[in-house]
């Protein structure tokens, strides 16, 4: 991880202050390594953290990504992707 990321983490910058949804991919080519748990750089404490691959199933078809984003913007408590 980068020095900027580590410094942000040290100063409590990886926690939400408002309702937040983090939608990310486990196959990102620029931010590595990625994980769908609290060790990944896309994970934000207190947020709804959604890895596309976890939400979209084994076939990795992500055509409903729009629904994930719309659900987050609509502030729906039950995202329906568990």
PDB file of N, CA and C in Angstrom:
ATOM      1  N   UNK A   1       0.838  -1.173   0.000  1.00  0.00           N
ATOM      2  CA  UNK A   1       0.000   0.000   0.000  1.00  0.00           C
ATOM      3  C   UNK A   1       0.886   1.240   0.000  1.00  0.00           C
ATOM      4  N   UNK A   2       0.341   2.320  -0.445  1.00  0.00           N
ATOM      5  CA  UNK A   2       1.131   3.536  -0.585  1.00  0.00           C
ATOM      6  C   UNK A   2       1.322   4.234   0.759  1.00  0.00           C
ATOM      7  N   UNK A   3       2.279   5.121   0.800  1.00  0.00           N
ATOM      8  CA  UNK A   3       2.529   5.904   2.009  1.00  0.00           C
ATOM      9  C   UNK A   3       1.331   6.795   2.331  1.00  0.00           C
ATOM     10  N   UNK A   4       0.680   7.325   1.300  1.00  0.00           N
ATOM     11  CA  UNK A   4      -0.500   8.183   1.511  1.00  0.00           C
ATOM     12  C   UNK A   4      -1.625   7.368   2.143  1.00  0.00           C
ATOM     13  N   UNK A   5      -1.869   6.170   1.607  1.00  0.00           N
ATOM     14  CA  UNK A   5      -2.911   5.304   2.163  1.00  0.00           C
ATOM     15  C   UNK A   5      -2.606   4.961   3.615  1.00  0.00           C
ATOM     16  N   UNK A   6      -1.369   4.587   3.901  1.00  0.00           N
ATOM     17  CA  UNK A   6      -0.985   4.226   5.267  1.00  0.00           C
ATOM     18  C   UNK A   6      -1.136   5.397   6.223  1.00  0.00           C
ATOM     19  N   UNK A   7      -0.753   6.588   5.804  1.00  0.00           N
ATOM     20  CA  UNK A   7      -0.886   7.780   6.658  1.00  0.00           C
ATOM     21  C   UNK A   7      -2.356   8.098   6.909  1.00  0.00           C
ATOM     22  N   UNK A   8      -3.180   7.967   5.874  1.00  0.00           N
ATOM     23  CA  UNK A   8      -4.619   8.192   6.023  1.00  0.00           C
ATOM     24  C   UNK A   8      -5.201   7.209   7.030  1.00  0.00           C
ATOM     25  N   UNK A   9      -4.810   5.951   6.925  1.00  0.00           N
ATOM     26  CA  UNK A   9      -5.290   4.922   7.847  1.00  0.00           C
ATOM     27  C   UNK A   9      -4.864   5.222   9.282  1.00  0.00           C
ATOM     28  N   UNK A  10      -3.634   5.657   9.462  1.00  0.00           N
ATOM     29  CA  UNK A  10      -3.115   5.965  10.797  1.00  0.00           C
ATOM     30  C   UNK A  10      -3.880   7.105  11.453  1.00  0.00           C
ATOM     31  N   UNK A  11      -4.384   8.035  10.656  1.00  0.00           N
ATOM     32  CA  UNK A  11      -5.077   9.209  11.183  1.00  0.00           C
ATOM     33  C   UNK A  11      -6.593   9.055  11.189  1.00  0.00           C
ATOM     34  N   UNK A  12      -7.089   7.823  11.083  1.00  0.00           N
ATOM     35  CA  UNK A  12      -8.528   7.581  11.168  1.00  0.00           C
ATOM     36  C   UNK A  12      -9.307   7.963   9.932  1.00  0.00           C
ATOM     37  N   UNK A  13      -8.644   8.106   8.804  1.00  0.00           N
ATOM     38  CA  UNK A  13      -9.308   8.531   7.578  1.00  0.00           C
ATOM     39  C   UNK A  13     -10.016   7.436   6.822  1.00  0.00           C
ATOM     40  N   UNK A  14     -10.054   6.231   7.369  1.00  0.00           N
ATOM     41  CA  UNK A  14     -10.706   5.120   6.681  1.00  0.00           C
ATOM     42  C   UNK A  14     -12.028   4.748   7.345  1.00  0.00           C
ATOM     43  N   UNK A  15     -12.665   5.706   7.984  1.00  0.00           N
ATOM     44  CA  UNK A  15     -13.953   5.483   8.629  1.00  0.00           C
ATOM     45  C   UNK A  15     -14.960   6.464   8.055  1.00  0.00           C
ATOM     46  N   UNK A  16     -16.205   6.017   7.977  1.00  0.00           N
ATOM     47  CA  UNK A  16     -17.241   6.881   7.411  1.00  0.00           C
ATOM     48  C   UNK A  16     -17.716   7.912   8.422  1.00  0.00           C
ATOM     49  N   UNK A  17     -18.063   9.071   7.925  1.00  0.00           N
ATOM     50  CA  UNK A  17     -18.669  10.119   8.746  1.00  0.00           C
ATOM     51  C   UNK A  17     -20.139  10.292   8.384  1.00  0.00           C
ATOM     52  N   UNK A  18     -20.512   9.832   7.211  1.00  0.00           N
ATOM     53  CA  UNK A  18     -21.893   9.876   6.715  1.00  0.00           C
ATOM     54  C   UNK A  18     -22.205   8.501   6.125  1.00  0.00           C
ATOM     55  N   UNK A  19     -23.492   8.171   5.902  1.00  0.00           N
ATOM     56  CA  UNK A  19     -23.806   6.883   5.271  1.00  0.00           C
ATOM     57  C   UNK A  19     -23.071   6.742   3.932  1.00  0.00           C
ATOM     58  N   UNK A  20     -22.335   5.652   3.774  1.00  0.00           N
ATOM     59  CA  UNK A  20     -21.465   5.477   2.616  1.00  0.00           C
ATOM     60  C   UNK A  20     -21.559   4.055   2.082  1.00  0.00           C
ATOM     61  N   UNK A  21     -21.497   3.929   0.757  1.00  0.00           N
ATOM     62  CA  UNK A  21     -21.424   2.622   0.110  1.00  0.00           C
ATOM     63  C   UNK A  21     -20.169   2.585  -0.743  1.00  0.00           C
ATOM     64  N   UNK A  22     -19.376   1.539  -0.572  1.00  0.00           N
ATOM     65  CA  UNK A  22     -18.174   1.335  -1.371  1.00  0.00           C
ATOM     66  C   UNK A  22     -18.416   0.136  -2.280  1.00  0.00           C
ATOM     67  N   UNK A  23     -18.483   0.376  -3.597  1.00  0.00           N
ATOM     68  CA  UNK A  23     -18.650  -0.691  -4.584  1.00  0.00           C
ATOM     69  C   UNK A  23     -17.330  -0.802  -5.327  1.00  0.00           C
ATOM     70  N   UNK A  24     -16.750  -2.001  -5.314  1.00  0.00           N
ATOM     71  CA  UNK A  24     -15.421  -2.166  -5.905  1.00  0.00           C
ATOM     72  C   UNK A  24     -15.293  -3.536  -6.548  1.00  0.00           C
ATOM     73  N   UNK A  25     -14.241  -3.732  -7.299  1.00  0.00           N
ATOM     74  CA  UNK A  25     -13.967  -5.018  -7.927  1.00  0.00           C
ATOM     75  C   UNK A  25     -12.737  -5.664  -7.308  1.00  0.00           C
ATOM     76  N   UNK A  26     -12.771  -6.976  -7.230  1.00  0.00           N
ATOM     77  CA  UNK A  26     -11.609  -7.714  -6.728  1.00  0.00           C
ATOM     78  C   UNK A  26     -10.539  -7.839  -7.800  1.00  0.00           C
ATOM     79  N   UNK A  27     -10.862  -7.450  -9.021  1.00  0.00           N
ATOM     80  CA  UNK A  27      -9.954  -7.606 -10.154  1.00  0.00           C
ATOM     81  C   UNK A  27      -9.364  -6.277 -10.617  1.00  0.00           C
ATOM     82  N   UNK A  28      -9.322  -5.297  -9.736  1.00  0.00           N
ATOM     83  CA  UNK A  28      -8.788  -3.986 -10.087  1.00  0.00           C
ATOM     84  C   UNK A  28      -7.341  -4.117 -10.542  1.00  0.00           C
ATOM     85  N   UNK A  29      -7.000  -3.468 -11.625  1.00  0.00           N
ATOM     86  CA  UNK A  29      -5.643  -3.556 -12.161  1.00  0.00           C
ATOM     87  C   UNK A  29      -4.706  -2.486 -11.605  1.00  0.00           C
ATOM     88  N   UNK A  30      -5.240  -1.513 -10.876  1.00  0.00           N
ATOM     89  CA  UNK A  30      -4.417  -0.403 -10.406  1.00  0.00           C
ATOM     90  C   UNK A  30      -4.220  -0.396  -8.898  1.00  0.00           C
ATOM     91  N   UNK A  31      -5.216  -0.852  -8.145  1.00  0.00           N
ATOM     92  CA  UNK A  31      -5.115  -0.857  -6.687  1.00  0.00           C
ATOM     93  C   UNK A  31      -5.053  -2.308  -6.239  1.00  0.00           C
ATOM     94  N   UNK A  32      -3.864  -2.771  -5.942  1.00  0.00           N
ATOM     95  CA  UNK A  32      -3.667  -4.164  -5.557  1.00  0.00           C
ATOM     96  C   UNK A  32      -2.947  -4.240  -4.222  1.00  0.00           C
ATOM     97  N   UNK A  33      -3.106  -5.244  -3.395  1.00  0.00           N
ATOM     98  CA  UNK A  33      -4.092  -6.306  -3.575  1.00  0.00           C
ATOM     99  C   UNK A  33      -5.460  -5.840  -3.110  1.00  0.00           C
ATOM    100  N   UNK A  34      -6.489  -6.375  -3.676  1.00  0.00           N
ATOM    101  CA  UNK A  34      -7.856  -6.038  -3.289  1.00  0.00           C
ATOM    102  C   UNK A  34      -8.444  -7.225  -2.544  1.00  0.00           C
ATOM    103  N   UNK A  35      -9.282  -6.967  -1.573  1.00  0.00           N
ATOM    104  CA  UNK A  35      -9.933  -8.026  -0.803  1.00  0.00           C
ATOM    105  C   UNK A  35     -11.328  -7.561  -0.432  1.00  0.00           C
ATOM    106  N   UNK A  36     -12.227  -8.501  -0.240  1.00  0.00           N
ATOM    107  CA  UNK A  36     -13.594  -8.133   0.128  1.00  0.00           C
ATOM    108  C   UNK A  36     -13.779  -8.159   1.641  1.00  0.00           C
ATOM    109  N   UNK A  37     -12.683  -8.014   2.370  1.00  0.00           N
ATOM    110  CA  UNK A  37     -12.757  -7.945   3.825  1.00  0.00           C
ATOM    111  C   UNK A  37     -11.996  -6.709   4.304  1.00  0.00           C
ATOM    112  N   UNK A  38     -11.874  -6.568   5.588  1.00  0.00           N
ATOM    113  CA  UNK A  38     -11.293  -5.340   6.144  1.00  0.00           C
ATOM    114  C   UNK A  38      -9.819  -5.137   5.823  1.00  0.00           C
ATOM    115  N   UNK A  39      -9.165  -6.090   5.173  1.00  0.00           N
ATOM    116  CA  UNK A  39      -7.758  -5.908   4.817  1.00  0.00           C
ATOM    117  C   UNK A  39      -7.582  -5.224   3.464  1.00  0.00           C
ATOM    118  N   UNK A  40      -8.637  -5.104   2.685  1.00  0.00           N
ATOM    119  CA  UNK A  40      -8.534  -4.515   1.349  1.00  0.00           C
ATOM    120  C   UNK A  40      -8.582  -2.999   1.384  1.00  0.00           C
ATOM    121  N   UNK A  41      -7.887  -2.329   0.470  1.00  0.00           N
ATOM    122  CA  UNK A  41      -7.866  -0.871   0.455  1.00  0.00           C
ATOM    123  C   UNK A  41      -9.205  -0.238   0.092  1.00  0.00           C
ATOM    124  N   UNK A  42     -10.134  -0.984  -0.510  1.00  0.00           N
ATOM    125  CA  UNK A  42     -11.445  -0.421  -0.838  1.00  0.00           C
ATOM    126  C   UNK A  42     -12.401  -0.501   0.346  1.00  0.00           C
ATOM    127  N   UNK A  43     -12.046  -1.272   1.365  1.00  0.00           N
ATOM    128  CA  UNK A  43     -12.905  -1.454   2.530  1.00  0.00           C
ATOM    129  C   UNK A  43     -12.926  -0.176   3.357  1.00  0.00           C
ATOM    130  N   UNK A  44     -14.123   0.245   3.762  1.00  0.00           N
ATOM    131  CA  UNK A  44     -14.277   1.451   4.564  1.00  0.00           C
ATOM    132  C   UNK A  44     -15.084   1.103   5.803  1.00  0.00           C
ATOM    133  N   UNK A  45     -14.505   1.288   6.974  1.00  0.00           N
ATOM    134  CA  UNK A  45     -15.172   0.953   8.222  1.00  0.00           C
ATOM    135  C   UNK A  45     -16.458   1.757   8.371  1.00  0.00           C
ATOM    136  N   UNK A  46     -17.561   1.069   8.663  1.00  0.00           N
ATOM    137  CA  UNK A  46     -18.848   1.729   8.842  1.00  0.00           C
ATOM    138  C   UNK A  46     -19.652   1.868   7.565  1.00  0.00           C
ATOM    139  N   UNK A  47     -19.088   1.474   6.442  1.00  0.00           N
ATOM    140  CA  UNK A  47     -19.775   1.594   5.149  1.00  0.00           C
ATOM    141  C   UNK A  47     -20.372   0.256   4.739  1.00  0.00           C
ATOM    142  N   UNK A  48     -21.262   0.301   3.757  1.00  0.00           N
ATOM    143  CA  UNK A  48     -21.694  -0.918   3.081  1.00  0.00           C
ATOM    144  C   UNK A  48     -20.630  -1.204   2.034  1.00  0.00           C
ATOM    145  N   UNK A  49     -19.822  -2.218   2.262  1.00  0.00           N
ATOM    146  CA  UNK A  49     -18.719  -2.566   1.367  1.00  0.00           C
ATOM    147  C   UNK A  49     -19.162  -3.718   0.471  1.00  0.00           C
ATOM    148  N   UNK A  50     -19.249  -3.471  -0.833  1.00  0.00           N
ATOM    149  CA  UNK A  50     -19.773  -4.467  -1.764  1.00  0.00           C
ATOM    150  C   UNK A  50     -18.749  -4.744  -2.853  1.00  0.00           C
ATOM    151  N   UNK A  51     -18.179  -5.942  -2.824  1.00  0.00           N
ATOM    152  CA  UNK A  51     -17.317  -6.382  -3.925  1.00  0.00           C
ATOM    153  C   UNK A  51     -18.237  -6.878  -5.035  1.00  0.00           C
ATOM    154  N   UNK A  52     -18.044  -6.384  -6.243  1.00  0.00           N
ATOM    155  CA  UNK A  52     -18.903  -6.771  -7.359  1.00  0.00           C
ATOM    156  C   UNK A  52     -18.966  -8.288  -7.493  1.00  0.00           C
ATOM    157  N   UNK A  53     -17.838  -8.957  -7.351  1.00  0.00           N
ATOM    158  CA  UNK A  53     -17.804 -10.405  -7.521  1.00  0.00           C
ATOM    159  C   UNK A  53     -18.609 -11.127  -6.439  1.00  0.00           C
ATOM    160  N   UNK A  54     -18.662 -10.570  -5.234  1.00  0.00           N
ATOM    161  CA  UNK A  54     -19.458 -11.179  -4.172  1.00  0.00           C
ATOM    162  C   UNK A  54     -20.947 -10.979  -4.428  1.00  0.00           C
ATOM    163  N   UNK A  55     -21.324  -9.835  -4.969  1.00  0.00           N
ATOM    164  CA  UNK A  55     -22.731  -9.518  -5.203  1.00  0.00           C
ATOM    165  C   UNK A  55     -23.276 -10.146  -6.477  1.00  0.00           C
ATOM    166  N   UNK A  56     -22.421 -10.398  -7.440  1.00  0.00           N
ATOM    167  CA  UNK A  56     -22.889 -10.832  -8.761  1.00  0.00           C
ATOM    168  C   UNK A  56     -22.793 -12.331  -8.993  1.00  0.00           C
ATOM    169  N   UNK A  57     -22.322 -13.072  -8.044  1.00  0.00           N
ATOM    170  CA  UNK A  57     -22.305 -14.520  -8.183  1.00  0.00           C
ATOM    171  C   UNK A  57     -21.081 -15.065  -8.894  1.00  0.00           C
ATOM    172  N   UNK A  58     -21.088 -16.380  -9.050  1.00  0.00           N
ATOM    173  CA  UNK A  58     -19.920 -17.088  -9.572  1.00  0.00           C
ATOM    174  C   UNK A  58     -19.626 -16.797 -11.035  1.00  0.00           C
ATOM    175  N   UNK A  59     -20.638 -16.455 -11.825  1.00  0.00           N
ATOM    176  CA  UNK A  59     -20.401 -16.220 -13.250  1.00  0.00           C
ATOM    177  C   UNK A  59     -19.794 -14.848 -13.518  1.00  0.00           C
ATOM    178  N   UNK A  60     -19.752 -14.010 -12.485  1.00  0.00           N
ATOM    179  CA  UNK A  60     -19.132 -12.686 -12.596  1.00  0.00           C
ATOM    180  C   UNK A  60     -19.820 -11.789 -13.627  1.00  0.00           C
ATOM    181  N   UNK A  61     -21.124 -11.973 -13.799  1.00  0.00           N
ATOM    182  CA  UNK A  61     -21.888 -11.109 -14.699  1.00  0.00           C
ATOM    183  C   UNK A  61     -22.284  -9.874 -13.900  1.00  0.00           C
ATOM    184  N   UNK A  62     -21.823  -8.723 -14.322  1.00  0.00           N
ATOM    185  CA  UNK A  62     -22.007  -7.505 -13.527  1.00  0.00           C
ATOM    186  C   UNK A  62     -22.993  -6.538 -14.168  1.00  0.00           C
ATOM    187  N   UNK A  63     -23.937  -7.067 -14.928  1.00  0.00           N
ATOM    188  CA  UNK A  63     -24.875  -6.184 -15.608  1.00  0.00           C
ATOM    189  C   UNK A  63     -25.839  -5.485 -14.655  1.00  0.00           C
ATOM    190  N   UNK A  64     -25.906  -5.904 -13.415  1.00  0.00           N
ATOM    191  CA  UNK A  64     -26.786  -5.233 -12.456  1.00  0.00           C
ATOM    192  C   UNK A  64     -26.019  -4.282 -11.529  1.00  0.00           C
ATOM    193  N   UNK A  65     -24.839  -3.868 -11.922  1.00  0.00           N
ATOM    194  CA  UNK A  65     -24.074  -2.892 -11.149  1.00  0.00           C
ATOM    195  C   UNK A  65     -24.874  -1.603 -10.951  1.00  0.00           C
ATOM    196  N   UNK A  66     -25.625  -1.220 -11.970  1.00  0.00           N
ATOM    197  CA  UNK A  66     -26.471  -0.028 -11.881  1.00  0.00           C
ATOM    198  C   UNK A  66     -27.444  -0.152 -10.711  1.00  0.00           C
ATOM    199  N   UNK A  67     -28.018  -1.338 -10.516  1.00  0.00           N
ATOM    200  CA  UNK A  67     -28.962  -1.549  -9.419  1.00  0.00           C
ATOM    201  C   UNK A  67     -28.279  -1.389  -8.063  1.00  0.00           C
ATOM    202  N   UNK A  68     -27.036  -1.840  -7.947  1.00  0.00           N
ATOM    203  CA  UNK A  68     -26.284  -1.654  -6.705  1.00  0.00           C
ATOM    204  C   UNK A  68     -26.094  -0.171  -6.396  1.00  0.00           C
ATOM    205  N   UNK A  69     -25.679   0.578  -7.399  1.00  0.00           N
ATOM    206  CA  UNK A  69     -25.445   2.013  -7.210  1.00  0.00           C
ATOM    207  C   UNK A  69     -26.750   2.746  -6.920  1.00  0.00           C
ATOM    208  N   UNK A  70     -27.808   2.420  -7.649  1.00  0.00           N
ATOM    209  CA  UNK A  70     -29.098   3.076  -7.438  1.00  0.00           C
ATOM    210  C   UNK A  70     -29.631   2.781  -6.046  1.00  0.00           C
ATOM    211  N   UNK A  71     -29.469   1.556  -5.585  1.00  0.00           N
ATOM    212  CA  UNK A  71     -29.902   1.177  -4.247  1.00  0.00           C
ATOM    213  C   UNK A  71     -29.155   1.984  -3.186  1.00  0.00           C
ATOM    214  N   UNK A  72     -27.857   2.168  -3.383  1.00  0.00           N
ATOM    215  CA  UNK A  72     -27.059   2.956  -2.434  1.00  0.00           C
ATOM    216  C   UNK A  72     -27.505   4.412  -2.428  1.00  0.00           C
ATOM    217  N   UNK A  73     -27.772   4.955  -3.604  1.00  0.00           N
ATOM    218  CA  UNK A  73     -28.204   6.352  -3.692  1.00  0.00           C
ATOM    219  C   UNK A  73     -29.596   6.551  -3.109  1.00  0.00           C
ATOM    220  N   UNK A  74     -30.433   5.526  -3.192  1.00  0.00           N
ATOM    221  CA  UNK A  74     -31.793   5.613  -2.658  1.00  0.00           C
ATOM    222  C   UNK A  74     -31.813   5.401  -1.150  1.00  0.00           C
ATOM    223  N   UNK A  75     -30.650   5.103  -0.562  1.00  0.00           N
ATOM    224  CA  UNK A  75     -30.514   4.901   0.878  1.00  0.00           C
ATOM    225  C   UNK A  75     -31.411   3.770   1.366  1.00  0.00           C
ATOM    226  N   UNK A  76     -31.460   2.681   0.612  1.00  0.00           N
ATOM    227  CA  UNK A  76     -32.247   1.523   1.006  1.00  0.00           C
ATOM    228  C   UNK A  76     -31.461   0.701   2.009  1.00  0.00           C
ATOM    229  N   UNK A  77     -32.122   0.342   3.116  1.00  0.00           N
ATOM    230  CA  UNK A  77     -31.445  -0.452   4.141  1.00  0.00           C
ATOM    231  C   UNK A  77     -31.163  -1.868   3.662  1.00  0.00           C
ATOM    232  N   UNK A  78     -32.127  -2.483   2.990  1.00  0.00           N
ATOM    233  CA  UNK A  78     -31.960  -3.855   2.509  1.00  0.00           C
ATOM    234  C   UNK A  78     -31.592  -3.822   1.040  1.00  0.00           C
ATOM    235  N   UNK A  79     -30.307  -3.994   0.748  1.00  0.00           N
ATOM    236  CA  UNK A  79     -29.836  -3.921  -0.626  1.00  0.00           C
ATOM    237  C   UNK A  79     -30.268  -5.138  -1.443  1.00  0.00           C
ATOM    238  N   UNK A  80     -30.636  -6.237  -0.780  1.00  0.00           N
ATOM    239  CA  UNK A  80     -31.122  -7.416  -1.469  1.00  0.00           C
ATOM    240  C   UNK A  80     -30.072  -8.192  -2.234  1.00  0.00           C
ATOM    241  N   UNK A  81     -28.797  -8.042  -1.892  1.00  0.00           N
ATOM    242  CA  UNK A  81     -27.743  -8.739  -2.611  1.00  0.00           C
ATOM    243  C   UNK A  81     -26.972  -9.693  -1.712  1.00  0.00           C
ATOM    244  N   UNK A  82     -27.538 -10.063  -0.578  1.00  0.00           N
ATOM    245  CA  UNK A  82     -26.847 -10.980   0.344  1.00  0.00           C
ATOM    246  C   UNK A  82     -27.000 -12.414  -0.097  1.00  0.00           C
TER     247      UNK A  82
END
